[in-house]
Amino acid sequence: MPMKTEVVTDPRELTAAWARQYERVAEVFSSLLATKRRKIAEIGCGNGQLTIPLARRAPTTHFTLVDRFVGTNYYTNHRILVGKLRREGLTRRAVIVVSDYMEWLSTQNCDSYDAVISSEFIPEIDSEETQQFIQECYRIMKGGGVTVHSFLSPIARNRRQKLLITADSNPLWTHTPPKEWFSPPSDFMVKELGKSGLQAIHKATFRSHLVMKADAAKNWLKSGEMKACFYNKHKRELDRGGLEVPDWIIVSGTKPGLAYGR
């Protein structure tokens, strides 16, 4: 049965709606990682939006959570993450590292991790940095290790998705425009995973089915540091049609070698 679209108009319901998105993402990650992945590095962990639902599905896994925690939401994200880990009883299974991702990666030994993952991190860097990032993921993973990365599709299915992509990436509308893209093209990611030497490359795509309208759309725009003029210009359209979260794309690859636990 097709999944029903969730329409959110009340800003107080946004946190729960996004949590349900990450539950679905975590389910795919969990199936790709398998429960034997006991040492995972997550780059750009944010406030733990993926970490928590994934950790629930992997009770024997230890996480190294890497993020600069720089910007307007630094203290908020760091504080939220610490609180989530404490409430979930994960403080002994997760270590938070405050660092630039490449600085941290450069200090890690080869063949150290069972998996290296990220969610919505790659949109924050450019294509050249992405190539270097994937190569470093390959280097620090053990043979048989898996790398998994999720992001929102840069290709809009409809007008609502196009509005969201535009608001989040066009310098005319956002205070924090991305370096190069809203998100990388999925074909680019698949190609780069292959060029790094990874095998068993996999791409999964699924629809978000999340629409934010009226005050919920306004709240989301504000929290994402979009300019107020965007909402003012598109108010009627946002109230009636809203913003729709684009499709989720999840790509993965496996490092050749002896798989963990065999």
Protein backbone atom coordinates (compact mmCIF):
# COMPACT_ATOMS: atom_id res chain seq x y z
CA MET A 1 0.00 0.00 0.00
CA PRO A 2 1.44 3.43 -0.95
CA MET A 3 2.52 5.57 1.98
CA LYS A 4 0.17 8.44 2.80
CA THR A 5 1.58 11.97 2.57
CA GLU A 6 1.96 13.70 5.93
CA VAL A 7 0.90 17.36 5.86
CA VAL A 8 2.14 19.48 8.79
CA THR A 9 0.74 22.96 9.44
CA ASP A 10 1.45 23.29 13.18
CA PRO A 11 5.11 24.13 13.91
CA ARG A 12 4.89 22.14 17.15
CA GLU A 13 4.51 18.97 15.08
CA LEU A 14 7.65 19.49 13.00
CA THR A 15 10.10 17.82 15.37
CA ALA A 16 8.06 14.63 15.48
CA ALA A 17 7.51 14.69 11.71
CA TRP A 18 11.24 14.96 11.00
CA ALA A 19 11.99 12.28 13.60
CA ARG A 20 9.79 9.92 11.58
CA GLN A 21 11.84 10.76 8.49
CA TYR A 22 15.06 9.80 10.23
CA GLU A 23 13.52 6.60 11.56
CA ARG A 24 12.96 5.56 7.95
CA VAL A 25 16.49 6.60 6.97
CA ALA A 26 17.94 4.70 9.95
CA GLU A 27 16.04 1.58 8.91
CA VAL A 28 17.78 1.61 5.53
CA PHE A 29 21.18 2.33 7.12
CA SER A 30 20.67 -0.54 9.53
CA SER A 31 19.96 -3.00 6.73
CA LEU A 32 23.07 -1.88 4.82
CA LEU A 33 25.39 -1.86 7.84
CA ALA A 34 24.23 -5.11 9.47
CA THR A 35 24.44 -5.63 13.21
CA LYS A 36 28.06 -6.83 13.15
CA ARG A 37 29.37 -3.34 12.46
CA ARG A 38 30.64 -2.60 15.94
CA LYS A 39 32.80 0.48 15.37
CA ILE A 40 31.13 3.24 13.36
CA ALA A 41 32.28 6.80 12.67
CA GLU A 42 29.55 9.29 11.82
CA ILE A 43 30.68 12.50 10.15
CA GLY A 44 28.54 15.61 10.61
CA CYS A 45 26.39 14.05 13.31
CA GLY A 46 24.52 17.30 14.13
CA ASN A 47 22.11 16.82 17.01
CA GLY A 48 21.96 13.06 16.61
CA GLN A 49 18.96 12.95 14.29
CA LEU A 50 20.29 9.79 12.63
CA THR A 51 22.54 8.57 15.44
CA ILE A 52 19.76 7.86 17.93
CA PRO A 53 17.39 5.79 15.77
CA LEU A 54 20.36 3.92 14.28
CA ALA A 55 21.87 3.16 17.69
CA ARG A 56 18.55 1.67 18.82
CA ARG A 57 18.81 -0.79 15.94
CA ALA A 58 22.46 -1.65 16.66
CA PRO A 59 22.77 -2.36 20.40
CA THR A 60 26.38 -3.62 20.22
CA THR A 61 27.72 -0.72 18.15
CA HIS A 62 30.09 1.98 19.39
CA PHE A 63 29.90 5.37 17.67
CA THR A 64 32.48 8.10 17.14
CA LEU A 65 30.46 11.24 16.38
CA VAL A 66 32.36 13.97 14.55
CA ASP A 67 31.12 17.52 14.00
CA ARG A 68 32.57 21.02 14.10
CA PHE A 69 29.44 22.33 15.82
CA VAL A 70 30.19 25.69 14.23
CA GLY A 71 27.57 28.30 13.36
CA THR A 72 24.35 29.67 14.73
CA ASN A 73 23.18 26.29 16.02
CA TYR A 74 26.52 25.24 17.60
CA TYR A 75 25.50 25.25 21.24
CA THR A 76 21.98 24.09 20.49
CA ASN A 77 23.04 21.03 18.47
CA HIS A 78 25.79 20.05 20.87
CA ARG A 79 23.54 20.40 23.91
CA ILE A 80 20.70 18.46 22.24
CA LEU A 81 23.07 15.66 21.21
CA VAL A 82 24.51 15.30 24.71
CA GLY A 83 21.00 15.22 26.17
CA LYS A 84 19.79 12.60 23.69
CA LEU A 85 22.75 10.33 24.35
CA ARG A 86 22.17 10.57 28.08
CA ARG A 87 18.44 9.87 27.86
CA GLU A 88 18.99 6.90 25.56
CA GLY A 89 21.70 5.43 27.77
CA LEU A 90 24.29 5.77 25.01
CA THR A 91 27.01 7.74 26.80
CA ARG A 92 29.20 4.62 27.04
CA ARG A 93 28.63 3.73 23.41
CA ALA A 94 29.19 7.12 21.81
CA VAL A 95 32.10 9.56 21.88
CA ILE A 96 31.61 13.12 20.62
CA VAL A 97 34.57 14.65 18.78
CA VAL A 98 34.47 18.41 18.11
CA SER A 99 36.62 18.78 15.03
CA ASP A 100 36.77 19.63 11.35
CA TYR A 101 36.04 16.40 9.54
CA MET A 102 39.21 16.34 7.38
CA GLU A 103 41.44 17.20 10.33
CA TRP A 104 39.93 14.31 12.26
CA LEU A 105 40.09 11.87 9.35
CA SER A 106 43.77 12.69 8.80
CA THR A 107 44.58 11.57 12.36
CA GLN A 108 42.90 8.17 12.02
CA ASN A 109 44.83 5.01 11.26
CA CYS A 110 44.08 2.93 8.20
CA ASP A 111 41.70 0.00 8.60
CA SER A 112 40.28 1.27 11.91
CA TYR A 113 36.47 1.35 11.47
CA ASP A 114 33.81 -1.12 10.47
CA ALA A 115 31.80 1.68 8.87
CA VAL A 116 31.91 5.40 8.11
CA ILE A 117 28.56 7.11 7.62
CA SER A 118 26.96 10.51 7.16
CA SER A 119 23.50 12.00 6.75
CA GLU A 120 22.98 15.36 5.03
CA PHE A 121 26.67 16.13 5.45
CA ILE A 122 27.87 15.92 1.84
CA PRO A 123 25.59 18.80 0.73
CA GLU A 124 27.72 21.03 2.97
CA ILE A 125 30.92 20.36 1.02
CA ASP A 126 31.75 20.64 -2.68
CA SER A 127 32.56 18.03 -5.33
CA GLU A 128 36.34 18.14 -4.83
CA GLU A 129 35.97 17.82 -1.08
CA THR A 130 33.51 14.97 -1.58
CA GLN A 131 36.06 13.05 -3.63
CA GLN A 132 38.66 13.47 -0.88
CA PHE A 133 36.12 12.57 1.78
CA ILE A 134 35.17 9.29 0.12
CA GLN A 135 38.82 8.38 -0.35
CA GLU A 136 39.41 8.96 3.36
CA CYS A 137 36.36 6.87 4.25
CA TYR A 138 37.89 4.07 2.22
CA ARG A 139 41.28 4.45 3.89
CA ILE A 140 40.13 4.29 7.50
CA MET A 141 37.70 1.38 6.98
CA LYS A 142 38.61 -2.23 7.58
CA GLY A 143 38.39 -4.77 4.78
CA GLY A 144 34.72 -5.61 4.39
CA GLY A 145 33.80 -2.24 5.92
CA VAL A 146 30.82 -0.30 4.64
CA THR A 147 30.31 3.40 4.01
CA VAL A 148 26.76 4.82 3.80
CA HIS A 149 25.63 8.37 3.05
CA SER A 150 22.17 9.92 2.82
CA PHE A 151 21.00 13.23 1.38
CA LEU A 152 17.93 14.78 -0.21
CA SER A 153 17.58 14.61 -3.97
CA PRO A 154 18.52 17.80 -5.86
CA ILE A 155 15.92 16.94 -8.51
CA ALA A 156 12.43 18.21 -7.68
CA ARG A 157 9.41 16.05 -8.46
CA ASN A 158 7.00 18.99 -8.18
CA ARG A 159 6.63 22.69 -7.45
CA ARG A 160 6.62 22.20 -3.66
CA GLN A 161 9.95 20.41 -3.73
CA LYS A 162 11.39 22.99 -6.11
CA LEU A 163 10.45 25.76 -3.68
CA LEU A 164 12.22 24.00 -0.82
CA ILE A 165 15.36 23.38 -2.86
CA THR A 166 15.40 27.00 -4.03
CA ALA A 167 14.89 28.41 -0.54
CA ASP A 168 17.69 26.28 0.88
CA SER A 169 20.30 26.80 -1.84
CA ASN A 170 19.77 30.10 -3.68
CA PRO A 171 21.91 32.92 -2.18
CA LEU A 172 19.03 35.26 -2.93
CA TRP A 173 16.93 33.50 -0.30
CA THR A 174 19.28 31.97 2.26
CA HIS A 175 21.84 33.46 4.63
CA THR A 176 23.93 30.28 4.38
CA PRO A 177 24.07 29.16 0.73
CA PRO A 178 25.88 25.87 0.02
CA LYS A 179 29.35 25.80 -1.52
CA GLU A 180 28.29 24.08 -4.73
CA TRP A 181 24.96 22.27 -4.58
CA PHE A 182 21.75 21.65 -2.68
CA SER A 183 22.81 18.00 -2.80
CA PRO A 184 25.13 16.02 -5.07
CA PRO A 185 23.67 14.19 -8.06
CA SER A 186 23.23 10.54 -7.17
CA ASP A 187 25.12 9.44 -10.30
CA PHE A 188 28.10 11.51 -9.17
CA MET A 189 28.10 9.80 -5.78
CA VAL A 190 27.85 6.32 -7.29
CA LYS A 191 30.73 7.13 -9.66
CA GLU A 192 32.96 8.47 -6.88
CA LEU A 193 32.31 5.48 -4.65
CA GLY A 194 33.44 3.25 -7.49
CA LYS A 195 36.52 5.35 -8.28
CA SER A 196 37.69 5.08 -4.68
CA GLY A 197 37.84 1.30 -4.98
CA LEU A 198 34.61 0.46 -3.17
CA GLN A 199 32.53 -2.46 -4.40
CA ALA A 200 28.94 -3.66 -4.07
CA ILE A 201 27.79 -0.08 -4.60
CA HIS A 202 24.12 0.40 -3.83
CA LYS A 203 21.68 3.28 -4.29
CA ALA A 204 18.31 3.47 -2.59
CA THR A 205 15.68 6.15 -3.21
CA PHE A 206 12.41 6.66 -1.39
CA ARG A 207 9.90 9.48 -1.16
CA SER A 208 9.70 11.57 1.98
CA HIS A 209 5.92 12.09 1.84
CA LEU A 210 6.37 15.13 4.10
CA VAL A 211 4.71 18.46 3.27
CA MET A 212 5.04 21.57 5.44
CA LYS A 213 2.42 24.30 5.05
CA ALA A 214 1.57 27.72 6.49
CA ASP A 215 3.13 28.32 9.93
CA ALA A 216 5.03 25.03 9.79
CA ALA A 217 6.67 26.09 6.52
CA LYS A 218 7.48 29.50 7.97
CA ASN A 219 9.03 27.92 11.04
CA TRP A 220 11.13 25.51 8.99
CA LEU A 221 12.41 28.34 6.80
CA LYS A 222 13.37 30.37 9.85
CA SER A 223 15.17 27.48 11.54
CA GLY A 224 17.14 26.89 8.34
CA GLU A 225 18.31 30.51 8.23
CA MET A 226 16.33 31.34 5.10
CA LYS A 227 15.54 35.01 4.57
CA ALA A 228 12.15 36.31 5.63
CA CYS A 229 11.65 37.81 2.17
CA PHE A 230 11.26 34.30 0.72
CA TYR A 231 8.24 33.56 2.88
CA ASN A 232 6.79 37.01 2.26
CA LYS A 233 7.14 36.61 -1.51
CA HIS A 234 5.65 33.10 -1.60
CA LYS A 235 3.25 33.32 1.36
CA ARG A 236 0.09 32.47 -0.55
CA GLU A 237 1.74 29.51 -2.26
CA LEU A 238 3.27 28.26 0.99
CA ASP A 239 -0.03 28.51 2.82
CA ARG A 240 -1.93 26.60 0.13
CA GLY A 241 0.58 24.12 -1.29
CA GLY A 242 3.49 24.31 1.12
CA LEU A 243 6.99 22.90 0.88
CA GLU A 244 7.65 19.24 0.23
CA VAL A 245 10.79 17.44 1.36
CA PRO A 246 12.48 15.91 -1.73
CA ASP A 247 13.21 12.22 -2.11
CA TRP A 248 15.79 10.63 0.17
CA ILE A 249 18.83 9.12 -1.55
CA ILE A 250 21.09 6.68 0.28
CA VAL A 251 24.30 5.42 -1.33
CA SER A 252 26.70 2.82 0.00
CA GLY A 253 29.78 0.81 -0.90
CA THR A 254 31.92 -1.94 0.61
CA LYS A 255 35.69 -2.03 0.92
CA PRO A 256 37.18 -5.19 -0.56
CA GLY A 257 38.70 -7.59 1.92
CA LEU A 258 37.80 -9.94 4.72
CA ALA A 259 34.36 -9.04 6.10
CA TYR A 260 34.10 -8.29 9.79
CA GLY A 261 33.32 -11.28 11.96
CA ARG A 262 34.20 -13.94 9.40
